[in-house]
């Protein structure tokens, strides 16, 4: 696989990814991802004995934030805020679908 190929797939619930796996899947540097994690901009991750474990939600959020920063030259904090709003919109739409309202 070349550096520019993007991984696409579905993760199983309760599976954890490494920092390097998420960085590769998002086409970002490990340092970019680690800086965002340490700044608290990307939830759904935990560091166990200095090793990051990242949930599926982390992958989606990192991809979304990277796209916002790249496409709109957004500051990381602004990208995180927009990602929060988009995630909330996704949750509300899912609830509406469950209720048969949408």
Foldseek 3Di string as FASTA:
>chain_A
DDQPDADDDDDDFPAWDWLVVLCSNLSHDSVVLVVCVVVVLADQWDADPNTIIHGPSSSVLSNQLVCCCVVVVDDSVVSSVVSVVVVVVVVVVVVCVVVVND
